[in-house]
Protein backbone atom coordinates (compact mmCIF):
# COMPACT_ATOMS: atom_id res chain seq x y z
CA UNK A 1 -9.10 -99.88 34.38
CA UNK A 2 -12.85 -100.46 33.38
CA UNK A 3 -13.82 -96.88 34.23
CA UNK A 4 -10.88 -95.80 31.77
CA UNK A 5 -12.15 -98.07 29.15
CA UNK A 6 -15.60 -96.77 29.57
CA UNK A 7 -14.52 -93.27 29.28
CA UNK A 8 -12.44 -94.05 26.13
CA UNK A 9 -15.73 -95.18 24.63
CA UNK A 10 -17.56 -92.16 25.41
CA UNK A 11 -15.02 -89.79 24.02
CA UNK A 12 -14.92 -91.91 20.56
CA UNK A 13 -18.97 -92.17 20.57
CA UNK A 14 -18.83 -88.00 21.20
CA UNK A 15 -16.23 -87.47 18.79
CA UNK A 16 -18.23 -89.54 16.11
CA UNK A 17 -21.27 -87.51 16.81
CA UNK A 18 -19.41 -84.00 16.36
CA UNK A 19 -18.02 -85.19 13.06
CA UNK A 20 -21.23 -86.46 11.72
CA UNK A 21 -23.23 -83.23 12.90
CA UNK A 22 -20.17 -81.11 11.39
CA UNK A 23 -20.83 -83.27 7.79
CA UNK A 24 -24.61 -82.81 8.04
CA UNK A 25 -24.30 -79.15 8.76
CA UNK A 26 -21.73 -78.58 6.12
CA UNK A 27 -24.18 -80.39 3.54
CA UNK A 28 -27.09 -78.00 4.91
CA UNK A 29 -25.48 -74.83 5.04
CA UNK A 30 -22.88 -74.92 2.12
CA UNK A 31 -24.31 -73.35 -1.27
CA UNK A 32 -25.24 -76.06 -3.77
CA UNK A 33 -24.86 -75.87 -7.21
CA UNK A 34 -28.04 -76.09 -8.98
CA UNK A 35 -28.73 -78.90 -11.20
CA UNK A 36 -30.20 -77.33 -14.59
CA UNK A 37 -32.88 -79.67 -16.33
CA UNK A 38 -32.81 -78.81 -19.97
CA UNK A 39 -36.16 -77.48 -20.70
CA UNK A 40 -38.13 -79.66 -23.09
CA UNK A 41 -39.89 -77.88 -26.06
CA UNK A 42 -42.76 -79.75 -26.81
CA UNK A 43 -43.09 -78.11 -30.19
CA UNK A 44 -41.18 -75.63 -31.64
CA UNK A 45 -42.72 -72.17 -33.17
CA UNK A 46 -42.12 -68.72 -34.29
CA UNK A 47 -44.93 -66.06 -34.00
CA UNK A 48 -44.26 -62.46 -35.90
CA UNK A 49 -45.23 -59.70 -33.57
CA UNK A 50 -44.10 -56.44 -36.03
CA UNK A 51 -44.68 -55.82 -38.70
CA UNK A 52 -48.13 -57.78 -38.38
CA UNK A 53 -50.42 -55.35 -40.58
CA UNK A 54 -51.67 -51.88 -41.13
CA UNK A 55 -47.96 -50.22 -40.88
CA UNK A 56 -46.59 -47.83 -43.11
CA UNK A 57 -42.54 -48.04 -43.21
CA UNK A 58 -40.62 -45.44 -45.20
CA UNK A 59 -37.74 -46.21 -47.56
CA UNK A 60 -34.58 -44.87 -45.65
CA UNK A 61 -36.00 -45.36 -42.06
CA UNK A 62 -34.79 -48.06 -39.43
CA UNK A 63 -37.67 -50.09 -38.05
CA UNK A 64 -37.75 -53.16 -35.69
CA UNK A 65 -38.82 -56.64 -36.83
CA UNK A 66 -39.75 -58.70 -34.06
CA UNK A 67 -40.85 -62.01 -32.91
CA UNK A 68 -41.52 -64.88 -30.15
CA UNK A 69 -40.26 -68.23 -30.52
CA UNK A 70 -39.64 -71.34 -28.74
CA UNK A 71 -36.97 -73.93 -29.67
CA UNK A 72 -35.42 -72.08 -32.62
CA UNK A 73 -31.86 -71.67 -33.02
CA UNK A 74 -31.19 -69.39 -36.19
CA UNK A 75 -33.67 -67.37 -38.29
CA UNK A 76 -33.96 -66.14 -42.03
CA UNK A 77 -36.10 -62.94 -42.32
CA UNK A 78 -37.63 -62.50 -45.79
CA UNK A 79 -39.59 -59.78 -47.28
CA UNK A 80 -42.50 -60.58 -49.69
CA UNK A 81 -45.06 -58.67 -51.96
CA UNK A 82 -48.48 -59.33 -52.91
CA UNK A 83 -47.20 -59.45 -56.49
CA UNK A 84 -44.77 -62.13 -56.13
CA UNK A 85 -41.36 -61.18 -55.51
CA UNK A 86 -39.66 -62.53 -52.22
CA UNK A 87 -36.09 -61.28 -51.00
CA UNK A 88 -34.32 -62.26 -47.77
CA UNK A 89 -33.80 -59.03 -45.71
CA UNK A 90 -31.14 -60.80 -43.01
CA UNK A 91 -29.79 -64.08 -42.48
CA UNK A 92 -28.86 -64.67 -38.52
CA UNK A 93 -26.97 -67.31 -37.42
CA UNK A 94 -28.76 -67.13 -33.79
CA UNK A 95 -32.28 -66.15 -32.64
CA UNK A 96 -32.37 -62.67 -30.92
CA UNK A 97 -35.89 -61.92 -31.26
CA UNK A 98 -35.43 -58.77 -33.20
CA UNK A 99 -33.88 -57.25 -35.91
CA UNK A 100 -33.56 -53.57 -36.82
CA UNK A 101 -34.05 -53.36 -40.79
CA UNK A 102 -32.81 -49.99 -42.37
CA UNK A 103 -35.11 -49.97 -45.56
CA UNK A 104 -32.89 -49.20 -48.51
CA UNK A 105 -33.76 -46.08 -50.37
CA UNK A 106 -34.12 -47.61 -53.34
CA UNK A 107 -36.17 -50.64 -52.00
CA UNK A 108 -39.49 -51.28 -54.09
CA UNK A 109 -42.60 -49.90 -52.65
CA UNK A 110 -45.83 -51.67 -51.98
CA UNK A 111 -49.23 -51.38 -50.01
CA UNK A 112 -49.35 -55.36 -49.54
CA UNK A 113 -46.16 -56.39 -47.89
CA UNK A 114 -45.39 -59.46 -45.41
CA UNK A 115 -42.47 -60.46 -43.35
CA UNK A 116 -41.55 -64.23 -42.73
CA UNK A 117 -39.52 -65.46 -40.00
CA UNK A 118 -38.34 -69.31 -40.83
CA UNK A 119 -35.87 -71.62 -39.37
CA UNK A 120 -34.53 -73.49 -42.38
CA UNK A 121 -34.26 -77.35 -40.87
CA UNK A 122 -32.71 -79.88 -42.86
CA UNK A 123 -34.81 -83.08 -43.45
CA UNK A 124 -37.62 -81.57 -41.65
CA UNK A 125 -40.56 -78.97 -42.22
CA UNK A 126 -39.33 -75.64 -41.94
CA UNK A 127 -40.64 -73.79 -38.92
CA UNK A 128 -41.86 -70.46 -39.96
CA UNK A 129 -44.47 -67.47 -39.24
CA UNK A 130 -45.35 -64.35 -41.49
CA UNK A 131 -47.40 -61.04 -40.72
CA UNK A 132 -51.04 -61.70 -40.16
CA UNK A 133 -51.76 -58.76 -42.37
CA UNK A 134 -50.17 -56.56 -45.14
CA UNK A 135 -48.11 -53.67 -44.32
CA UNK A 136 -46.87 -50.78 -46.61
CA UNK A 137 -43.16 -49.86 -47.80
CA UNK A 138 -43.66 -46.22 -48.93
CA UNK A 139 -41.50 -43.22 -50.03
CA UNK A 140 -40.12 -40.64 -48.02
CA UNK A 141 -42.59 -37.71 -48.10
CA UNK A 142 -40.21 -34.71 -49.49
CA UNK A 143 -43.26 -32.67 -49.72
CA UNK A 144 -43.05 -32.02 -45.71
CA UNK A 145 -41.65 -28.49 -46.20
CA UNK A 146 -43.23 -27.57 -49.16
CA UNK A 147 -45.34 -24.37 -49.47
CA UNK A 148 -49.48 -24.87 -49.82
CA UNK A 149 -51.51 -23.27 -52.36
CA UNK A 150 -55.13 -22.64 -51.44
CA UNK A 151 -58.12 -21.54 -53.48
CA UNK A 152 -61.12 -20.99 -51.29
CA UNK A 153 -63.22 -19.95 -54.25
CA UNK A 154 -62.90 -23.75 -55.89
CA UNK A 155 -62.17 -25.33 -52.45
CA UNK A 156 -58.96 -27.47 -52.89
CA UNK A 157 -55.40 -26.85 -52.08
CA UNK A 158 -51.90 -28.26 -53.29
CA UNK A 159 -48.53 -28.02 -52.31
CA UNK A 160 -45.44 -27.27 -54.52
CA UNK A 161 -41.59 -27.29 -54.28
CA UNK A 162 -39.31 -24.23 -53.70
CA UNK A 163 -38.45 -22.48 -56.87
CA UNK A 164 -41.91 -22.87 -58.29
CA UNK A 165 -43.79 -20.04 -60.08
CA UNK A 166 -47.30 -19.64 -59.68
CA UNK A 167 -49.39 -18.00 -61.94
CA UNK A 168 -53.34 -17.27 -61.75
CA UNK A 169 -54.18 -16.90 -65.41
CA UNK A 170 -57.88 -16.36 -64.35
CA UNK A 171 -58.50 -17.81 -60.96
CA UNK A 172 -62.10 -16.34 -61.17
CA UNK A 173 -62.86 -19.13 -63.85
CA UNK A 174 -60.60 -21.67 -62.64
CA UNK A 175 -57.40 -21.78 -64.66
CA UNK A 176 -53.98 -22.18 -62.58
CA UNK A 177 -50.64 -22.57 -63.97
CA UNK A 178 -47.55 -23.57 -61.97
CA UNK A 179 -43.88 -23.58 -63.61
CA UNK A 180 -42.00 -26.36 -61.89
CA UNK A 181 -38.08 -26.40 -61.79
CA UNK A 182 -36.28 -28.89 -63.87
CA UNK A 183 -34.75 -31.56 -62.83
CA UNK A 184 -31.81 -31.19 -64.87
CA UNK A 185 -30.46 -28.41 -66.84
CA UNK A 186 -29.35 -28.42 -70.68
CA UNK A 187 -31.84 -30.77 -72.11
CA UNK A 188 -34.26 -30.81 -74.73
CA UNK A 189 -37.11 -29.95 -71.94
CA UNK A 190 -38.27 -26.23 -72.38
CA UNK A 191 -41.42 -26.22 -70.11
CA UNK A 192 -42.58 -28.14 -66.87
CA UNK A 193 -45.96 -27.08 -66.02
CA UNK A 194 -48.76 -28.37 -63.80
CA UNK A 195 -51.88 -26.71 -65.20
CA UNK A 196 -55.14 -26.91 -63.13
CA UNK A 197 -58.35 -26.21 -64.63
CA UNK A 198 -61.60 -26.39 -62.67
CA UNK A 199 -64.98 -25.85 -64.82
CA UNK A 200 -68.84 -26.76 -65.10
CA UNK A 201 -68.95 -26.94 -68.69
CA UNK A 202 -66.60 -27.38 -71.66
CA UNK A 203 -66.47 -27.27 -75.32
CA UNK A 204 -66.46 -30.40 -77.55
CA UNK A 205 -66.52 -29.81 -81.20
CA UNK A 206 -67.57 -26.33 -80.55
CA UNK A 207 -70.61 -27.23 -78.62
CA UNK A 208 -70.79 -26.25 -74.79
CA UNK A 209 -71.38 -29.03 -72.49
CA UNK A 210 -71.48 -30.47 -69.13
CA UNK A 211 -67.78 -30.91 -67.90
CA UNK A 212 -66.89 -34.58 -67.50
CA UNK A 213 -63.86 -36.72 -66.98
CA UNK A 214 -64.99 -39.11 -69.97
CA UNK A 215 -62.60 -39.09 -72.83
CA UNK A 216 -61.36 -41.45 -75.85
CA UNK A 217 -57.96 -40.83 -74.31
CA UNK A 218 -58.81 -42.68 -70.66
CA UNK A 219 -55.68 -44.94 -69.76
CA UNK A 220 -56.26 -45.60 -66.20
CA UNK A 221 -57.18 -44.45 -62.91
CA UNK A 222 -55.72 -43.84 -59.51
CA UNK A 223 -56.98 -42.84 -56.05
CA UNK A 224 -55.11 -39.85 -54.17
CA UNK A 225 -56.22 -39.14 -50.65
CA UNK A 226 -59.54 -40.71 -51.06
CA UNK A 227 -60.11 -38.88 -54.37
CA UNK A 228 -60.32 -41.08 -57.56
CA UNK A 229 -58.68 -39.61 -61.08
CA UNK A 230 -59.42 -40.57 -64.18
CA UNK A 231 -55.78 -40.66 -66.21
CA UNK A 232 -55.64 -39.70 -69.79
CA UNK A 233 -52.90 -39.11 -72.30
CA UNK A 234 -53.33 -35.62 -73.76
CA UNK A 235 -50.12 -35.25 -75.37
CA UNK A 236 -51.49 -34.88 -78.93
CA UNK A 237 -53.23 -31.67 -77.32
CA UNK A 238 -49.80 -29.77 -77.14
CA UNK A 239 -48.13 -30.74 -80.80
CA UNK A 240 -46.82 -27.84 -82.38
CA UNK A 241 -44.36 -27.15 -85.35
CA UNK A 242 -41.24 -27.26 -83.26
CA UNK A 243 -42.70 -28.02 -79.62
CA UNK A 244 -43.78 -31.19 -78.22
CA UNK A 245 -45.05 -32.20 -75.16
CA UNK A 246 -45.59 -35.27 -73.00
CA UNK A 247 -48.81 -34.39 -71.12
CA UNK A 248 -51.14 -36.58 -68.88
CA UNK A 249 -54.17 -35.24 -67.53
CA UNK A 250 -55.90 -36.39 -64.15
CA UNK A 251 -59.45 -35.50 -63.99
CA UNK A 252 -61.95 -35.83 -61.05
CA UNK A 253 -65.44 -34.76 -60.57
CA UNK A 254 -66.87 -32.74 -57.23
CA UNK A 255 -70.55 -32.14 -57.93
CA UNK A 256 -70.75 -30.81 -61.10
CA UNK A 257 -67.53 -29.32 -61.13
CA UNK A 258 -64.58 -31.00 -63.11
CA UNK A 259 -61.05 -30.64 -61.74
CA UNK A 260 -58.38 -31.56 -64.37
CA UNK A 261 -54.75 -31.59 -63.48
CA UNK A 262 -52.46 -31.92 -66.42
CA UNK A 263 -48.89 -32.35 -66.21
CA UNK A 264 -47.16 -30.92 -69.08
CA UNK A 265 -43.17 -31.91 -70.05
CA UNK A 266 -42.62 -29.54 -73.39
CA UNK A 267 -39.64 -29.89 -75.31
CA UNK A 268 -38.06 -28.96 -78.66
CA UNK A 269 -37.92 -32.14 -80.89
CA UNK A 270 -35.19 -30.39 -83.11
CA UNK A 271 -32.94 -29.20 -80.06
CA UNK A 272 -29.47 -30.61 -80.27
CA UNK A 273 -29.08 -31.02 -76.75
CA UNK A 274 -29.76 -34.35 -75.23
CA UNK A 275 -32.96 -35.79 -74.45
CA UNK A 276 -34.53 -35.46 -71.23
CA UNK A 277 -35.16 -38.25 -68.37
CA UNK A 278 -39.07 -38.43 -68.43
CA UNK A 279 -39.22 -40.54 -65.33
CA UNK A 280 -36.92 -38.11 -63.42
CA UNK A 281 -38.62 -35.13 -64.54
CA UNK A 282 -42.06 -36.62 -63.41
CA UNK A 283 -41.18 -37.50 -59.83
CA UNK A 284 -41.91 -34.02 -58.62
CA UNK A 285 -45.06 -33.61 -60.64
CA UNK A 286 -46.21 -36.96 -59.33
CA UNK A 287 -45.48 -35.72 -55.73
CA UNK A 288 -47.69 -32.47 -56.47
CA UNK A 289 -50.24 -34.66 -57.40
CA UNK A 290 -50.27 -36.99 -54.05
CA UNK A 291 -50.55 -33.59 -52.02
CA UNK A 292 -53.89 -32.32 -53.66
CA UNK A 293 -56.78 -32.36 -51.42
CA UNK A 294 -60.50 -30.82 -51.36
CA UNK A 295 -61.28 -28.33 -48.39
CA UNK A 296 -63.62 -29.43 -46.08
């Protein structure tokens, strides 16, 4: 009887050891659900990666704005111009770290633009960052497929659009005329001409003097492809009995030579046709000026 009781105790003990071992093995081998501890962000931040200075973004194209961040739930992307304008590009309910921006074709151009990514925080300072330096928004280059006129004698080249008629009035003495197609027909506009005159001397009140860009009609200056031009209003030089012209001269010096590019919109002031759109007609002329270069 005692032997039976002793055997029973051992059976119970062995069974307990087996069950305990099974429980331990189950706890060891069964996959455990990972307990995720929320990451503590000491200080939320945003860091703009692109654009970050020096980029040239073309109107009508799509570019990716990117940023790094920690502890940010939602963002607003803003565009700023140096001259003061500021506008929202996008308001995002989340924080994806990037945004593909298609620049509108009518977006204002500028060479001092910056992007700011910001999280507006109620009752606390906003969290934000901006481009480290300025980038540019520029017009789409419509001159890519234009033809190029080169003058080896005078050392310059300029592009012109399809439909332009070129007349070398006297290339040996530096006179060139380009008749440019109209943007709109059936208006008072009768001629649209780019005139190029290259000379070392000019006549002033009947006297021949060294050519220069100094004029009483100077109204400003601009730089094109590294070339500084003096801008003058010379509309009065083309006044006639019936004909008038809106004419602007761009002059630059290279050595003792003056290069004078005159854009002329000639019109009949007594015509019964509608007035022409000066801004629209000037677009191509300004694009042509942007392609003017001196040959190396």
